[in-house]
mmCIF file of all heavy atoms, coordinates in Angstrom:
data_MODEL
# 
_entry.id   MODEL 
# 
loop_
_atom_site.group_PDB 
_atom_site.id 
_atom_site.type_symbol 
_atom_site.label_atom_id 
_atom_site.label_alt_id 
_atom_site.label_comp_id 
_atom_site.label_asym_id 
_atom_site.label_entity_id 
_atom_site.label_seq_id 
_atom_site.pdbx_PDB_ins_code 
_atom_site.Cartn_x 
_atom_site.Cartn_y 
_atom_site.Cartn_z 
_atom_site.occupancy 
_atom_site.B_iso_or_equiv 
_atom_site.pdbx_formal_charge 
_atom_site.auth_seq_id 
_atom_site.auth_comp_id 
_atom_site.auth_asym_id 
_atom_site.auth_atom_id 
_atom_site.pdbx_PDB_model_num 
ATOM 1   N N   . LYS A 1 1  ? 96.070  136.929 137.204 1.00 0.00 ? 1  LYS A N   1 
ATOM 2   C CA  . LYS A 1 1  ? 96.812  138.016 137.853 1.00 0.00 ? 1  LYS A CA  1 
ATOM 3   C C   . LYS A 1 1  ? 97.731  138.776 136.910 1.00 0.00 ? 1  LYS A C   1 
ATOM 4   O O   . LYS A 1 1  ? 98.453  139.678 137.353 1.00 0.00 ? 1  LYS A O   1 
ATOM 5   C CB  . LYS A 1 1  ? 97.627  137.450 139.020 1.00 0.00 ? 1  LYS A CB  1 
ATOM 6   C CG  . LYS A 1 1  ? 96.764  136.857 140.135 1.00 0.00 ? 1  LYS A CG  1 
ATOM 7   C CD  . LYS A 1 1  ? 97.618  136.453 141.336 1.00 0.00 ? 1  LYS A CD  1 
ATOM 8   C CE  . LYS A 1 1  ? 96.749  135.960 142.479 1.00 0.00 ? 1  LYS A CE  1 
ATOM 9   N NZ  . LYS A 1 1  ? 97.566  135.605 143.674 1.00 0.00 ? 1  LYS A NZ  1 
ATOM 10  N N   . ASP A 1 2  ? 97.741  138.399 135.627 1.00 0.00 ? 2  ASP A N   1 
ATOM 11  C CA  . ASP A 1 2  ? 98.615  139.054 134.639 1.00 0.00 ? 2  ASP A CA  1 
ATOM 12  C C   . ASP A 1 2  ? 100.072 139.008 135.067 1.00 0.00 ? 2  ASP A C   1 
ATOM 13  O O   . ASP A 1 2  ? 100.835 139.954 134.838 1.00 0.00 ? 2  ASP A O   1 
ATOM 14  C CB  . ASP A 1 2  ? 98.178  140.509 134.403 1.00 0.00 ? 2  ASP A CB  1 
ATOM 15  C CG  . ASP A 1 2  ? 96.809  140.595 133.766 1.00 0.00 ? 2  ASP A CG  1 
ATOM 16  O OD1 . ASP A 1 2  ? 96.503  139.735 132.920 1.00 0.00 ? 2  ASP A OD1 1 
ATOM 17  O OD2 . ASP A 1 2  ? 96.043  141.508 134.116 1.00 0.00 ? 2  ASP A OD2 1 
ATOM 18  N N   . LYS A 1 3  ? 100.469 137.899 135.661 1.00 0.00 ? 3  LYS A N   1 
ATOM 19  C CA  . LYS A 1 3  ? 101.851 137.727 136.101 1.00 0.00 ? 3  LYS A CA  1 
ATOM 20  C C   . LYS A 1 3  ? 102.537 136.660 135.252 1.00 0.00 ? 3  LYS A C   1 
ATOM 21  O O   . LYS A 1 3  ? 101.934 135.632 134.933 1.00 0.00 ? 3  LYS A O   1 
ATOM 22  C CB  . LYS A 1 3  ? 101.897 137.309 137.569 1.00 0.00 ? 3  LYS A CB  1 
ATOM 23  C CG  . LYS A 1 3  ? 101.421 138.385 138.542 1.00 0.00 ? 3  LYS A CG  1 
ATOM 24  C CD  . LYS A 1 3  ? 101.317 137.824 139.957 1.00 0.00 ? 3  LYS A CD  1 
ATOM 25  C CE  . LYS A 1 3  ? 102.633 137.290 140.461 1.00 0.00 ? 3  LYS A CE  1 
ATOM 26  N NZ  . LYS A 1 3  ? 102.528 136.828 141.885 1.00 0.00 ? 3  LYS A NZ  1 
ATOM 27  N N   . GLY A 1 4  ? 103.809 136.914 134.920 1.00 0.00 ? 4  GLY A N   1 
ATOM 28  C CA  . GLY A 1 4  ? 104.589 135.919 134.205 1.00 0.00 ? 4  GLY A CA  1 
ATOM 29  C C   . GLY A 1 4  ? 104.226 135.825 132.731 1.00 0.00 ? 4  GLY A C   1 
ATOM 30  O O   . GLY A 1 4  ? 103.545 136.692 132.169 1.00 0.00 ? 4  GLY A O   1 
ATOM 31  N N   . LYS A 1 5  ? 104.699 134.748 132.098 1.00 0.00 ? 5  LYS A N   1 
ATOM 32  C CA  . LYS A 1 5  ? 104.466 134.516 130.680 1.00 0.00 ? 5  LYS A CA  1 
ATOM 33  C C   . LYS A 1 5  ? 103.629 133.249 130.485 1.00 0.00 ? 5  LYS A C   1 
ATOM 34  O O   . LYS A 1 5  ? 103.640 132.364 131.329 1.00 0.00 ? 5  LYS A O   1 
ATOM 35  C CB  . LYS A 1 5  ? 105.793 134.371 129.938 1.00 0.00 ? 5  LYS A CB  1 
ATOM 36  C CG  . LYS A 1 5  ? 106.694 135.597 129.997 1.00 0.00 ? 5  LYS A CG  1 
ATOM 37  C CD  . LYS A 1 5  ? 107.990 135.332 129.252 1.00 0.00 ? 5  LYS A CD  1 
ATOM 38  C CE  . LYS A 1 5  ? 108.910 136.552 129.294 1.00 0.00 ? 5  LYS A CE  1 
ATOM 39  N NZ  . LYS A 1 5  ? 110.196 136.287 128.572 1.00 0.00 ? 5  LYS A NZ  1 
ATOM 40  N N   . GLN A 1 6  ? 102.958 133.188 129.352 1.00 0.00 ? 6  GLN A N   1 
ATOM 41  C CA  . GLN A 1 6  ? 102.208 131.988 129.004 1.00 0.00 ? 6  GLN A CA  1 
ATOM 42  C C   . GLN A 1 6  ? 103.149 131.068 128.224 1.00 0.00 ? 6  GLN A C   1 
ATOM 43  O O   . GLN A 1 6  ? 103.365 131.240 127.027 1.00 0.00 ? 6  GLN A O   1 
ATOM 44  C CB  . GLN A 1 6  ? 100.983 132.325 128.168 1.00 0.00 ? 6  GLN A CB  1 
ATOM 45  C CG  . GLN A 1 6  ? 99.905  131.250 128.074 1.00 0.00 ? 6  GLN A CG  1 
ATOM 46  C CD  . GLN A 1 6  ? 100.386 129.830 127.966 1.00 0.00 ? 6  GLN A CD  1 
ATOM 47  O OE1 . GLN A 1 6  ? 100.570 129.172 128.998 1.00 0.00 ? 6  GLN A OE1 1 
ATOM 48  N NE2 . GLN A 1 6  ? 100.615 129.372 126.751 1.00 0.00 ? 6  GLN A NE2 1 
ATOM 49  N N   . GLU A 1 7  ? 103.720 130.106 128.916 1.00 0.00 ? 7  GLU A N   1 
ATOM 50  C CA  . GLU A 1 7  ? 104.680 129.202 128.287 1.00 0.00 ? 7  GLU A CA  1 
ATOM 51  C C   . GLU A 1 7  ? 104.235 127.738 128.370 1.00 0.00 ? 7  GLU A C   1 
ATOM 52  O O   . GLU A 1 7  ? 105.008 126.832 128.073 1.00 0.00 ? 7  GLU A O   1 
ATOM 53  C CB  . GLU A 1 7  ? 106.056 129.353 128.934 1.00 0.00 ? 7  GLU A CB  1 
ATOM 54  C CG  . GLU A 1 7  ? 106.633 130.748 128.768 1.00 0.00 ? 7  GLU A CG  1 
ATOM 55  C CD  . GLU A 1 7  ? 107.966 130.927 129.469 1.00 0.00 ? 7  GLU A CD  1 
ATOM 56  O OE1 . GLU A 1 7  ? 108.190 130.256 130.507 1.00 0.00 ? 7  GLU A OE1 1 
ATOM 57  O OE2 . GLU A 1 7  ? 108.783 131.727 128.980 1.00 0.00 ? 7  GLU A OE2 1 
ATOM 58  N N   . LEU A 1 8  ? 102.998 127.510 128.782 1.00 0.00 ? 8  LEU A N   1 
ATOM 59  C CA  . LEU A 1 8  ? 102.509 126.131 128.866 1.00 0.00 ? 8  LEU A CA  1 
ATOM 60  C C   . LEU A 1 8  ? 102.245 125.582 127.470 1.00 0.00 ? 8  LEU A C   1 
ATOM 61  O O   . LEU A 1 8  ? 101.757 126.295 126.600 1.00 0.00 ? 8  LEU A O   1 
ATOM 62  C CB  . LEU A 1 8  ? 101.230 126.070 129.707 1.00 0.00 ? 8  LEU A CB  1 
ATOM 63  C CG  . LEU A 1 8  ? 101.397 126.392 131.189 1.00 0.00 ? 8  LEU A CG  1 
ATOM 64  C CD1 . LEU A 1 8  ? 100.034 126.475 131.865 1.00 0.00 ? 8  LEU A CD1 1 
ATOM 65  C CD2 . LEU A 1 8  ? 102.259 125.334 131.883 1.00 0.00 ? 8  LEU A CD2 1 
ATOM 66  N N   . PRO A 1 9  ? 102.537 124.304 127.254 1.00 0.00 ? 9  PRO A N   1 
ATOM 67  C CA  . PRO A 1 9  ? 102.324 123.701 125.934 1.00 0.00 ? 9  PRO A CA  1 
ATOM 68  C C   . PRO A 1 9  ? 100.872 123.316 125.718 1.00 0.00 ? 9  PRO A C   1 
ATOM 69  O O   . PRO A 1 9  ? 100.053 123.365 126.642 1.00 0.00 ? 9  PRO A O   1 
ATOM 70  C CB  . PRO A 1 9  ? 103.213 122.458 125.992 1.00 0.00 ? 9  PRO A CB  1 
ATOM 71  C CG  . PRO A 1 9  ? 103.144 122.050 127.442 1.00 0.00 ? 9  PRO A CG  1 
ATOM 72  C CD  . PRO A 1 9  ? 103.114 123.346 128.218 1.00 0.00 ? 9  PRO A CD  1 
ATOM 73  N N   . GLU A 1 10 ? 100.557 122.885 124.521 1.00 0.00 ? 10 GLU A N   1 
ATOM 74  C CA  . GLU A 1 10 ? 99.218  122.395 124.218 1.00 0.00 ? 10 GLU A CA  1 
ATOM 75  C C   . GLU A 1 10 ? 98.859  121.188 125.073 1.00 0.00 ? 10 GLU A C   1 
ATOM 76  O O   . GLU A 1 10 ? 97.730  121.055 125.546 1.00 0.00 ? 10 GLU A O   1 
ATOM 77  C CB  . GLU A 1 10 ? 99.115  122.028 122.735 1.00 0.00 ? 10 GLU A CB  1 
ATOM 78  C CG  . GLU A 1 10 ? 97.783  121.458 122.309 1.00 0.00 ? 10 GLU A CG  1 
ATOM 79  C CD  . GLU A 1 10 ? 96.662  122.485 122.294 1.00 0.00 ? 10 GLU A CD  1 
ATOM 80  O OE1 . GLU A 1 10 ? 96.960  123.703 122.366 1.00 0.00 ? 10 GLU A OE1 1 
ATOM 81  O OE2 . GLU A 1 10 ? 95.487  122.081 122.199 1.00 0.00 ? 10 GLU A OE2 1 
ATOM 82  N N   . ALA A 1 11 ? 99.833  120.316 125.281 1.00 0.00 ? 11 ALA A N   1 
ATOM 83  C CA  . ALA A 1 11 ? 99.607  119.118 126.093 1.00 0.00 ? 11 ALA A CA  1 
ATOM 84  C C   . ALA A 1 11 ? 100.830 118.880 126.981 1.00 0.00 ? 11 ALA A C   1 
ATOM 85  O O   . ALA A 1 11 ? 101.949 118.772 126.471 1.00 0.00 ? 11 ALA A O   1 
ATOM 86  C CB  . ALA A 1 11 ? 99.339  117.905 125.217 1.00 0.00 ? 11 ALA A CB  1 
ATOM 87  N N   . TYR A 1 12 ? 100.595 118.819 128.283 1.00 0.00 ? 12 TYR A N   1 
ATOM 88  C CA  . TYR A 1 12 ? 101.656 118.538 129.265 1.00 0.00 ? 12 TYR A CA  1 
ATOM 89  C C   . TYR A 1 12 ? 101.307 117.159 129.836 1.00 0.00 ? 12 TYR A C   1 
ATOM 90  O O   . TYR A 1 12 ? 100.378 117.015 130.628 1.00 0.00 ? 12 TYR A O   1 
ATOM 91  C CB  . TYR A 1 12 ? 101.648 119.591 130.359 1.00 0.00 ? 12 TYR A CB  1 
ATOM 92  C CG  . TYR A 1 12 ? 103.018 119.963 130.891 1.00 0.00 ? 12 TYR A CG  1 
ATOM 93  C CD1 . TYR A 1 12 ? 103.308 121.288 131.236 1.00 0.00 ? 12 TYR A CD1 1 
ATOM 94  C CD2 . TYR A 1 12 ? 104.014 119.010 131.065 1.00 0.00 ? 12 TYR A CD2 1 
ATOM 95  C CE1 . TYR A 1 12 ? 104.553 121.657 131.722 1.00 0.00 ? 12 TYR A CE1 1 
ATOM 96  C CE2 . TYR A 1 12 ? 105.261 119.367 131.555 1.00 0.00 ? 12 TYR A CE2 1 
ATOM 97  C CZ  . TYR A 1 12 ? 105.525 120.698 131.872 1.00 0.00 ? 12 TYR A CZ  1 
ATOM 98  O OH  . TYR A 1 12 ? 106.766 121.048 132.360 1.00 0.00 ? 12 TYR A OH  1 
ATOM 99  N N   . MET A 1 13 ? 102.062 116.140 129.430 1.00 0.00 ? 13 MET A N   1 
ATOM 100 C CA  . MET A 1 13 ? 101.640 114.766 129.681 1.00 0.00 ? 13 MET A CA  1 
ATOM 101 C C   . MET A 1 13 ? 102.724 113.984 130.427 1.00 0.00 ? 13 MET A C   1 
ATOM 102 O O   . MET A 1 13 ? 103.911 114.076 130.097 1.00 0.00 ? 13 MET A O   1 
ATOM 103 C CB  . MET A 1 13 ? 101.331 114.064 128.355 1.00 0.00 ? 13 MET A CB  1 
ATOM 104 C CG  . MET A 1 13 ? 100.498 114.882 127.388 1.00 0.00 ? 13 MET A CG  1 
ATOM 105 S SD  . MET A 1 13 ? 98.837  115.256 127.985 1.00 0.00 ? 13 MET A SD  1 
ATOM 106 C CE  . MET A 1 13 ? 97.974  113.771 127.461 1.00 0.00 ? 13 MET A CE  1 
ATOM 107 N N   . PHE A 1 14 ? 102.279 113.184 131.395 1.00 0.00 ? 14 PHE A N   1 
ATOM 108 C CA  . PHE A 1 14 ? 103.196 112.327 132.141 1.00 0.00 ? 14 PHE A CA  1 
ATOM 109 C C   . PHE A 1 14 ? 103.251 110.968 131.462 1.00 0.00 ? 14 PHE A C   1 
ATOM 110 O O   . PHE A 1 14 ? 102.226 110.336 131.206 1.00 0.00 ? 14 PHE A O   1 
ATOM 111 C CB  . PHE A 1 14 ? 102.733 112.164 133.590 1.00 0.00 ? 14 PHE A CB  1 
ATOM 112 C CG  . PHE A 1 14 ? 103.736 111.457 134.464 1.00 0.00 ? 14 PHE A CG  1 
ATOM 113 C CD1 . PHE A 1 14 ? 104.755 112.168 135.069 1.00 0.00 ? 14 PHE A CD1 1 
ATOM 114 C CD2 . PHE A 1 14 ? 103.659 110.081 134.671 1.00 0.00 ? 14 PHE A CD2 1 
ATOM 115 C CE1 . PHE A 1 14 ? 105.688 111.529 135.888 1.00 0.00 ? 14 PHE A CE1 1 
ATOM 116 C CE2 . PHE A 1 14 ? 104.582 109.431 135.478 1.00 0.00 ? 14 PHE A CE2 1 
ATOM 117 C CZ  . PHE A 1 14 ? 105.604 110.153 136.086 1.00 0.00 ? 14 PHE A CZ  1 
ATOM 118 N N   . GLU A 1 15 ? 104.473 110.548 131.155 1.00 0.00 ? 15 GLU A N   1 
ATOM 119 C CA  . GLU A 1 15 ? 104.703 109.257 130.511 1.00 0.00 ? 15 GLU A CA  1 
ATOM 120 C C   . GLU A 1 15 ? 104.976 108.208 131.581 1.00 0.00 ? 15 GLU A C   1 
ATOM 121 O O   . GLU A 1 15 ? 105.984 108.271 132.291 1.00 0.00 ? 15 GLU A O   1 
ATOM 122 C CB  . GLU A 1 15 ? 105.895 109.359 129.557 1.00 0.00 ? 15 GLU A CB  1 
ATOM 123 C CG  . GLU A 1 15 ? 106.277 108.067 128.882 1.00 0.00 ? 15 GLU A CG  1 
ATOM 124 C CD  . GLU A 1 15 ? 107.548 108.208 128.068 1.00 0.00 ? 15 GLU A CD  1 
ATOM 125 O OE1 . GLU A 1 15 ? 108.162 109.297 128.086 1.00 0.00 ? 15 GLU A OE1 1 
ATOM 126 O OE2 . GLU A 1 15 ? 107.933 107.226 127.404 1.00 0.00 ? 15 GLU A OE2 1 
ATOM 127 N N   . THR A 1 16 ? 104.053 107.250 131.738 1.00 0.00 ? 16 THR A N   1 
ATOM 128 C CA  . THR A 1 16 ? 104.279 106.162 132.670 1.00 0.00 ? 16 THR A CA  1 
ATOM 129 C C   . THR A 1 16 ? 105.218 105.144 132.019 1.00 0.00 ? 16 THR A C   1 
ATOM 130 O O   . THR A 1 16 ? 105.366 105.088 130.815 1.00 0.00 ? 16 THR A O   1 
ATOM 131 C CB  . THR A 1 16 ? 102.959 105.498 133.076 1.00 0.00 ? 16 THR A CB  1 
ATOM 132 O OG1 . THR A 1 16 ? 102.249 105.084 131.894 1.00 0.00 ? 16 THR A OG1 1 
ATOM 133 C CG2 . THR A 1 16 ? 102.083 106.473 133.859 1.00 0.00 ? 16 THR A CG2 1 
ATOM 134 N N   . GLY A 1 17 ? 105.838 104.343 132.850 1.00 0.00 ? 17 GLY A N   1 
ATOM 135 C CA  . GLY A 1 17 ? 106.849 103.412 132.358 1.00 0.00 ? 17 GLY A CA  1 
ATOM 136 C C   . GLY A 1 17 ? 108.233 103.984 132.481 1.00 0.00 ? 17 GLY A C   1 
ATOM 137 O O   . GLY A 1 17 ? 109.134 103.369 133.059 1.00 0.00 ? 17 GLY A O   1 
ATOM 138 N N   . THR A 1 18 ? 108.431 105.214 131.964 1.00 0.00 ? 18 THR A N   1 
ATOM 139 C CA  . THR A 1 18 ? 109.697 105.927 132.159 1.00 0.00 ? 18 THR A CA  1 
ATOM 140 C C   . THR A 1 18 ? 109.579 106.981 133.253 1.00 0.00 ? 18 THR A C   1 
ATOM 141 O O   . THR A 1 18 ? 110.582 107.487 133.743 1.00 0.00 ? 18 THR A O   1 
ATOM 142 C CB  . THR A 1 18 ? 110.148 106.620 130.861 1.00 0.00 ? 18 THR A CB  1 
ATOM 143 O OG1 . THR A 1 18 ? 109.131 107.541 130.448 1.00 0.00 ? 18 THR A OG1 1 
ATOM 144 C CG2 . THR A 1 18 ? 110.393 105.603 129.760 1.00 0.00 ? 18 THR A CG2 1 
ATOM 145 N N   . ASN A 1 19 ? 108.319 107.337 133.594 1.00 0.00 ? 19 ASN A N   1 
ATOM 146 C CA  . ASN A 1 19 ? 108.045 108.308 134.659 1.00 0.00 ? 19 ASN A CA  1 
ATOM 147 C C   . ASN A 1 19 ? 108.683 109.665 134.381 1.00 0.00 ? 19 ASN A C   1 
ATOM 148 O O   . ASN A 1 19 ? 109.482 110.187 135.160 1.00 0.00 ? 19 ASN A O   1 
ATOM 149 C CB  . ASN A 1 19 ? 108.508 107.758 136.013 1.00 0.00 ? 19 ASN A CB  1 
ATOM 150 C CG  . ASN A 1 19 ? 107.725 106.543 136.441 1.00 0.00 ? 19 ASN A CG  1 
ATOM 151 O OD1 . ASN A 1 19 ? 106.596 106.329 135.987 1.00 0.00 ? 19 ASN A OD1 1 
ATOM 152 N ND2 . ASN A 1 19 ? 108.308 105.718 137.296 1.00 0.00 ? 19 ASN A ND2 1 
ATOM 153 N N   . GLN A 1 20 ? 108.270 110.261 133.252 1.00 0.00 ? 20 GLN A N   1 
ATOM 154 C CA  . GLN A 1 20 ? 108.777 111.577 132.861 1.00 0.00 ? 20 GLN A CA  1 
ATOM 155 C C   . GLN A 1 20 ? 107.632 112.441 132.342 1.00 0.00 ? 20 GLN A C   1 
ATOM 156 O O   . GLN A 1 20 ? 106.677 111.945 131.747 1.00 0.00 ? 20 GLN A O   1 
ATOM 157 C CB  . GLN A 1 20 ? 109.810 111.438 131.733 1.00 0.00 ? 20 GLN A CB  1 
ATOM 158 C CG  . GLN A 1 20 ? 111.013 110.577 132.049 1.00 0.00 ? 20 GLN A CG  1 
ATOM 159 C CD  . GLN A 1 20 ? 111.942 110.468 130.855 1.00 0.00 ? 20 GLN A CD  1 
ATOM 160 O OE1 . GLN A 1 20 ? 112.510 111.453 130.387 1.00 0.00 ? 20 GLN A OE1 1 
ATOM 161 N NE2 . GLN A 1 20 ? 112.081 109.259 130.339 1.00 0.00 ? 20 GLN A NE2 1 
ATOM 162 N N   . TRP A 1 21 ? 107.757 113.755 132.575 1.00 0.00 ? 21 TRP A N   1 
ATOM 163 C CA  . TRP A 1 21 ? 106.838 114.717 131.985 1.00 0.00 ? 21 TRP A CA  1 
ATOM 164 C C   . TRP A 1 21 ? 107.309 115.089 130.590 1.00 0.00 ? 21 TRP A C   1 
ATOM 165 O O   . TRP A 1 21 ? 108.511 115.216 130.345 1.00 0.00 ? 21 TRP A O   1 
ATOM 166 C CB  . TRP A 1 21 ? 106.753 115.980 132.838 1.00 0.00 ? 21 TRP A CB  1 
ATOM 167 C CG  . TRP A 1 21 ? 105.987 115.833 134.106 1.00 0.00 ? 21 TRP A CG  1 
ATOM 168 C CD1 . TRP A 1 21 ? 106.490 115.627 135.356 1.00 0.00 ? 21 TRP A CD1 1 
ATOM 169 C CD2 . TRP A 1 21 ? 104.560 115.895 134.254 1.00 0.00 ? 21 TRP A CD2 1 
ATOM 170 N NE1 . TRP A 1 21 ? 105.478 115.551 136.281 1.00 0.00 ? 21 TRP A NE1 1 
ATOM 171 C CE2 . TRP A 1 21 ? 104.285 115.715 135.640 1.00 0.00 ? 21 TRP A CE2 1 
ATOM 172 C CE3 . TRP A 1 21 ? 103.495 116.086 133.380 1.00 0.00 ? 21 TRP A CE3 1 
ATOM 173 C CZ2 . TRP A 1 21 ? 102.982 115.722 136.140 1.00 0.00 ? 21 TRP A CZ2 1 
ATOM 174 C CZ3 . TRP A 1 21 ? 102.207 116.094 133.869 1.00 0.00 ? 21 TRP A CZ3 1 
ATOM 175 C CH2 . TRP A 1 21 ? 101.958 115.914 135.248 1.00 0.00 ? 21 TRP A CH2 1 
ATOM 176 N N   . HIS A 1 22 ? 106.363 115.304 129.670 1.00 0.00 ? 22 HIS A N   1 
ATOM 177 C CA  . HIS A 1 22 ? 106.693 115.718 128.310 1.00 0.00 ? 22 HIS A CA  1 
ATOM 178 C C   . HIS A 1 22 ? 105.717 116.788 127.846 1.00 0.00 ? 22 HIS A C   1 
ATOM 179 O O   . HIS A 1 22 ? 104.557 116.815 128.264 1.00 0.00 ? 22 HIS A O   1 
ATOM 180 C CB  . HIS A 1 22 ? 106.628 114.539 127.340 1.00 0.00 ? 22 HIS A CB  1 
ATOM 181 C CG  . HIS A 1 22 ? 107.632 113.475 127.617 1.00 0.00 ? 22 HIS A CG  1 
ATOM 182 N ND1 . HIS A 1 22 ? 108.922 113.507 127.141 1.00 0.00 ? 22 HIS A ND1 1 
ATOM 183 C CD2 . HIS A 1 22 ? 107.540 112.332 128.336 1.00 0.00 ? 22 HIS A CD2 1 
ATOM 184 C CE1 . HIS A 1 22 ? 109.582 112.439 127.550 1.00 0.00 ? 22 HIS A CE1 1 
ATOM 185 N NE2 . HIS A 1 22 ? 108.760 111.708 128.275 1.00 0.00 ? 22 HIS A NE2 1 
ATOM 186 N N   . LYS A 1 23 ? 106.226 117.651 126.960 1.00 0.00 ? 23 LYS A N   1 
ATOM 187 C CA  . LYS A 1 23 ? 105.406 118.698 126.362 1.00 0.00 ? 23 LYS A CA  1 
ATOM 188 C C   . LYS A 1 23 ? 105.162 118.370 124.886 1.00 0.00 ? 23 LYS A C   1 
ATOM 189 O O   . LYS A 1 23 ? 106.085 117.962 124.184 1.00 0.00 ? 23 LYS A O   1 
ATOM 190 C CB  . LYS A 1 23 ? 106.116 120.048 126.476 1.00 0.00 ? 23 LYS A CB  1 
ATOM 191 C CG  . LYS A 1 23 ? 106.419 120.478 127.907 1.00 0.00 ? 23 LYS A CG  1 
ATOM 192 C CD  . LYS A 1 23 ? 107.222 121.773 127.922 1.00 0.00 ? 23 LYS A CD  1 
ATOM 193 C CE  . LYS A 1 23 ? 107.582 122.193 129.335 1.00 0.00 ? 23 LYS A CE  1 
ATOM 194 N NZ  . LYS A 1 23 ? 108.392 123.442 129.362 1.00 0.00 ? 23 LYS A NZ  1 
ATOM 195 N N   . PHE A 1 24 ? 103.910 118.570 124.440 1.00 0.00 ? 24 PHE A N   1 
ATOM 196 C CA  . PHE A 1 24 ? 103.569 118.291 123.049 1.00 0.00 ? 24 PHE A CA  1 
ATOM 197 C C   . PHE A 1 24 ? 102.804 119.462 122.448 1.00 0.00 ? 24 PHE A C   1 
ATOM 198 O O   . PHE A 1 24 ? 102.078 120.173 123.150 1.00 0.00 ? 24 PHE A O   1 
ATOM 199 C CB  . PHE A 1 24 ? 102.720 117.025 122.942 1.00 0.00 ? 24 PHE A CB  1 
ATOM 200 C CG  . PHE A 1 24 ? 103.444 115.765 123.322 1.00 0.00 ? 24 PHE A CG  1 
ATOM 201 C CD1 . PHE A 1 24 ? 103.247 115.192 124.567 1.00 0.00 ? 24 PHE A CD1 1 
ATOM 202 C CD2 . PHE A 1 24 ? 104.335 115.164 122.435 1.00 0.00 ? 24 PHE A CD2 1 
ATOM 203 C CE1 . PHE A 1 24 ? 103.912 114.027 124.926 1.00 0.00 ? 24 PHE A CE1 1 
ATOM 204 C CE2 . PHE A 1 24 ? 104.998 114.004 122.780 1.00 0.00 ? 24 PHE A CE2 1 
ATOM 205 C CZ  . PHE A 1 24 ? 104.789 113.431 124.027 1.00 0.00 ? 24 PHE A CZ  1 
ATOM 206 N N   . GLU A 1 25 ? 102.935 119.613 121.149 1.00 0.00 ? 25 GLU A N   1 
ATOM 207 C CA  . GLU A 1 25 ? 102.207 120.659 120.426 1.00 0.00 ? 25 GLU A CA  1 
ATOM 208 C C   . GLU A 1 25 ? 100.789 120.235 120.081 1.00 0.00 ? 25 GLU A C   1 
ATOM 209 O O   . GLU A 1 25 ? 99.982  121.059 119.645 1.00 0.00 ? 25 GLU A O   1 
ATOM 210 C CB  . GLU A 1 25 ? 102.959 121.020 119.140 1.00 0.00 ? 25 GLU A CB  1 
ATOM 211 C CG  . GLU A 1 25 ? 104.335 121.613 119.390 1.00 0.00 ? 25 GLU A CG  1 
ATOM 212 C CD  . GLU A 1 25 ? 105.079 121.898 118.102 1.00 0.00 ? 25 GLU A CD  1 
ATOM 213 O OE1 . GLU A 1 25 ? 104.525 121.552 117.026 1.00 0.00 ? 25 GLU A OE1 1 
ATOM 214 O OE2 . GLU A 1 25 ? 106.179 122.450 118.166 1.00 0.00 ? 25 GLU A OE2 1 
ATOM 215 N N   . ALA A 1 26 ? 100.496 118.953 120.255 1.00 0.00 ? 26 ALA A N   1 
ATOM 216 C CA  . ALA A 1 26 ? 99.152  118.440 119.976 1.00 0.00 ? 26 ALA A CA  1 
ATOM 217 C C   . ALA A 1 26 ? 98.988  117.135 120.732 1.00 0.00 ? 26 ALA A C   1 
ATOM 218 O O   . ALA A 1 26 ? 99.973  116.462 121.073 1.00 0.00 ? 26 ALA A O   1 
ATOM 219 C CB  . ALA A 1 26 ? 98.956  118.212 118.481 1.00 0.00 ? 26 ALA A CB  1 
ATOM 220 N N   . TRP A 1 27 ? 97.731  116.772 121.010 1.00 0.00 ? 27 TRP A N   1 
ATOM 221 C CA  . TRP A 1 27 ? 97.446  115.454 121.566 1.00 0.00 ? 27 TRP A CA  1 
ATOM 222 C C   . TRP A 1 27 ? 96.305  114.816 120.789 1.00 0.00 ? 27 TRP A C   1 
ATOM 223 O O   . TRP A 1 27 ? 95.264  115.454 120.635 1.00 0.00 ? 27 TRP A O   1 
ATOM 224 C CB  . TRP A 1 27 ? 97.082  115.514 123.055 1.00 0.00 ? 27 TRP A CB  1 
ATOM 225 C CG  . TRP A 1 27 ? 96.948  114.116 123.591 1.00 0.00 ? 27 TRP A CG  1 
ATOM 226 C CD1 . TRP A 1 27 ? 95.792  113.412 123.777 1.00 0.00 ? 27 TRP A CD1 1 
ATOM 227 C CD2 . TRP A 1 27 ? 98.025  113.245 123.930 1.00 0.00 ? 27 TRP A CD2 1 
ATOM 228 N NE1 . TRP A 1 27 ? 96.075  112.152 124.219 1.00 0.00 ? 27 TRP A NE1 1 
ATOM 229 C CE2 . TRP A 1 27 ? 97.443  112.010 124.318 1.00 0.00 ? 27 TRP A CE2 1 
ATOM 230 C CE3 . TRP A 1 27 ? 99.412  113.359 123.942 1.00 0.00 ? 27 TRP A CE3 1 
ATOM 231 C CZ2 . TRP A 1 27 ? 98.209  110.916 124.711 1.00 0.00 ? 27 TRP A CZ2 1 
ATOM 232 C CZ3 . TRP A 1 27 ? 100.171 112.280 124.344 1.00 0.00 ? 27 TRP A CZ3 1 
ATOM 233 C CH2 . TRP A 1 27 ? 99.571  111.080 124.731 1.00 0.00 ? 27 TRP A CH2 1 
# 
């Protein structure tokens, strides 16, 4: 829809054990 900005990272990963989302430049 050409709306907003492209700000998603290369890898958006959920860390189990601590239960947190993290962004990475590579996986």
